[in-house]
Amino acid sequence: MRDRAAEAGALPGYREWRLGRAEGGTVWECGWEAPYGALLRAAQVVPDTPPGGDRWMLGWITDDGDWAGAAADWSTVRASFRPPR
């Protein structure tokens, strides 16, 4: 999906920081240029779940310049997430 989106021009300036296993799940961290010129940076985490359990995705997006400053907030979101019962 990401390759098709990048090839179609939907993710101008696309760059990928990581894609793979980390943080108790699978993480995709990437960035692209917004129409207004800023570099956006995003992370999506699919937490590990027991076999047969529901899958959930957590997402975070901000301007790249705010990424480091927002890291504590993103850590709080990840640490406090509990899937619905």
C-alpha atoms as a PDB file:
ATOM      1  CA  MET A   1       0.000   0.000   0.000  1.00  0.00           C
ATOM      2  CA  ARG A   2       2.725   2.498   0.924  1.00  0.00           C
ATOM      3  CA  ASP A   3       4.586   1.789  -2.330  1.00  0.00           C
ATOM      4  CA  ARG A   4       1.459   2.364  -4.417  1.00  0.00           C
ATOM      5  CA  ALA A   5       0.654   5.587  -2.546  1.00  0.00           C
ATOM      6  CA  ALA A   6       4.205   6.879  -2.952  1.00  0.00           C
ATOM      7  CA  GLU A   7       4.293   5.947  -6.650  1.00  0.00           C
ATOM      8  CA  ALA A   8       0.942   7.696  -7.200  1.00  0.00           C
ATOM      9  CA  GLY A   9       2.349  10.901  -5.679  1.00  0.00           C
ATOM     10  CA  ALA A  10       0.079  10.723  -2.635  1.00  0.00           C
ATOM     11  CA  LEU A  11       3.087  10.894  -0.279  1.00  0.00           C
ATOM     12  CA  PRO A  12       5.430  13.553  -1.712  1.00  0.00           C
ATOM     13  CA  GLY A  13       8.878  13.456  -0.147  1.00  0.00           C
ATOM     14  CA  TYR A  14       8.082  10.119   1.517  1.00  0.00           C
ATOM     15  CA  ARG A  15      10.697   8.804   3.926  1.00  0.00           C
ATOM     16  CA  GLU A  16      10.626   5.879   6.276  1.00  0.00           C
ATOM     17  CA  TRP A  17      12.336   5.757   9.656  1.00  0.00           C
ATOM     18  CA  ARG A  18      11.301   2.254  10.633  1.00  0.00           C
ATOM     19  CA  LEU A  19       8.978  -0.570   9.738  1.00  0.00           C
ATOM     20  CA  GLY A  20       9.014  -3.753  11.752  1.00  0.00           C
ATOM     21  CA  ARG A  21       8.801  -5.319  15.175  1.00  0.00           C
ATOM     22  CA  ALA A  22       9.226  -2.983  18.147  1.00  0.00           C
ATOM     23  CA  GLU A  23       7.474  -1.762  21.277  1.00  0.00           C
ATOM     24  CA  GLY A  24       5.432  -4.941  21.800  1.00  0.00           C
ATOM     25  CA  GLY A  25       3.949  -4.941  18.314  1.00  0.00           C
ATOM     26  CA  THR A  26       4.599  -3.776  14.776  1.00  0.00           C
ATOM     27  CA  VAL A  27       5.612  -0.159  14.123  1.00  0.00           C
ATOM     28  CA  TRP A  28       5.549   1.916  10.936  1.00  0.00           C
ATOM     29  CA  GLU A  29       7.158   5.340  11.323  1.00  0.00           C
ATOM     30  CA  CYS A  30       7.295   7.542   8.264  1.00  0.00           C
ATOM     31  CA  GLY A  31       7.086  11.099   7.000  1.00  0.00           C
ATOM     32  CA  TRP A  32       5.978  13.073   3.935  1.00  0.00           C
ATOM     33  CA  GLU A  33       5.593  16.664   2.814  1.00  0.00           C
ATOM     34  CA  ALA A  34       2.217  18.263   3.520  1.00  0.00           C
ATOM     35  CA  PRO A  35       0.573  20.448   0.849  1.00  0.00           C
ATOM     36  CA  TYR A  36       1.461  23.529   2.940  1.00  0.00           C
ATOM     37  CA  GLY A  37       5.168  22.590   2.852  1.00  0.00           C
ATOM     38  CA  ALA A  38       5.821  21.143   6.313  1.00  0.00           C
ATOM     39  CA  LEU A  39       7.227  17.686   6.825  1.00  0.00           C
ATOM     40  CA  LEU A  40       4.684  15.541   8.651  1.00  0.00           C
ATOM     41  CA  ARG A  41       5.850  12.587  10.693  1.00  0.00           C
ATOM     42  CA  ALA A  42       3.640   9.697  11.758  1.00  0.00           C
ATOM     43  CA  ALA A  43       3.808   6.451  13.674  1.00  0.00           C
ATOM     44  CA  GLN A  44       1.351   3.604  13.600  1.00  0.00           C
ATOM     45  CA  VAL A  45       1.600   0.768  16.101  1.00  0.00           C
ATOM     46  CA  VAL A  46      -0.326  -2.494  15.930  1.00  0.00           C
ATOM     47  CA  PRO A  47       0.053  -3.947  19.435  1.00  0.00           C
ATOM     48  CA  ASP A  48       0.538  -7.684  19.855  1.00  0.00           C
ATOM     49  CA  THR A  49      -2.675  -9.494  20.738  1.00  0.00           C
ATOM     50  CA  PRO A  50      -3.367 -13.075  21.782  1.00  0.00           C
ATOM     51  CA  PRO A  51      -4.343 -15.492  19.006  1.00  0.00           C
ATOM     52  CA  GLY A  52      -7.933 -14.857  17.989  1.00  0.00           C
ATOM     53  CA  GLY A  53      -7.975 -11.462  19.734  1.00  0.00           C
ATOM     54  CA  ASP A  54      -9.072  -8.223  18.108  1.00  0.00           C
ATOM     55  CA  ARG A  55      -6.379  -6.104  16.451  1.00  0.00           C
ATOM     56  CA  TRP A  56      -6.056  -2.388  17.169  1.00  0.00           C
ATOM     57  CA  MET A  57      -3.889   0.315  15.690  1.00  0.00           C
ATOM     58  CA  LEU A  58      -2.616   3.372  17.498  1.00  0.00           C
ATOM     59  CA  GLY A  59      -1.614   6.350  15.381  1.00  0.00           C
ATOM     60  CA  TRP A  60       0.295   9.563  16.033  1.00  0.00           C
ATOM     61  CA  ILE A  61       1.018  12.398  13.601  1.00  0.00           C
ATOM     62  CA  THR A  62       2.611  15.820  13.982  1.00  0.00           C
ATOM     63  CA  ASP A  63       4.954  18.211  12.210  1.00  0.00           C
ATOM     64  CA  ASP A  64       8.450  16.756  12.181  1.00  0.00           C
ATOM     65  CA  GLY A  65       9.706  19.820  14.073  1.00  0.00           C
ATOM     66  CA  ASP A  66       7.370  18.924  16.961  1.00  0.00           C
ATOM     67  CA  TRP A  67       8.189  15.193  16.961  1.00  0.00           C
ATOM     68  CA  ALA A  68      10.824  15.213  19.716  1.00  0.00           C
ATOM     69  CA  GLY A  69       8.786  17.569  21.897  1.00  0.00           C
ATOM     70  CA  ALA A  70       5.705  15.364  21.580  1.00  0.00           C
ATOM     71  CA  ALA A  71       7.559  12.118  22.318  1.00  0.00           C
ATOM     72  CA  ALA A  72       6.487  12.082  25.991  1.00  0.00           C
ATOM     73  CA  ASP A  73       2.829  12.483  24.995  1.00  0.00           C
ATOM     74  CA  TRP A  74       3.094   9.642  22.480  1.00  0.00           C
ATOM     75  CA  SER A  75       4.737   7.444  25.135  1.00  0.00           C
ATOM     76  CA  THR A  76       1.850   8.194  27.509  1.00  0.00           C
ATOM     77  CA  VAL A  77      -0.720   7.261  24.851  1.00  0.00           C
ATOM     78  CA  ARG A  78       1.058   3.965  24.106  1.00  0.00           C
ATOM     79  CA  ALA A  79       1.543   3.079  27.765  1.00  0.00           C
ATOM     80  CA  SER A  80      -2.046   3.872  28.745  1.00  0.00           C
ATOM     81  CA  PHE A  81      -3.765   2.115  25.835  1.00  0.00           C
ATOM     82  CA  ARG A  82      -5.999  -0.776  26.832  1.00  0.00           C
ATOM     83  CA  PRO A  83      -8.062  -2.515  24.174  1.00  0.00           C
ATOM     84  CA  PRO A  84     -11.822  -2.583  24.804  1.00  0.00           C
ATOM     85  CA  ARG A  85     -13.238  -5.707  26.408  1.00  0.00           C
END
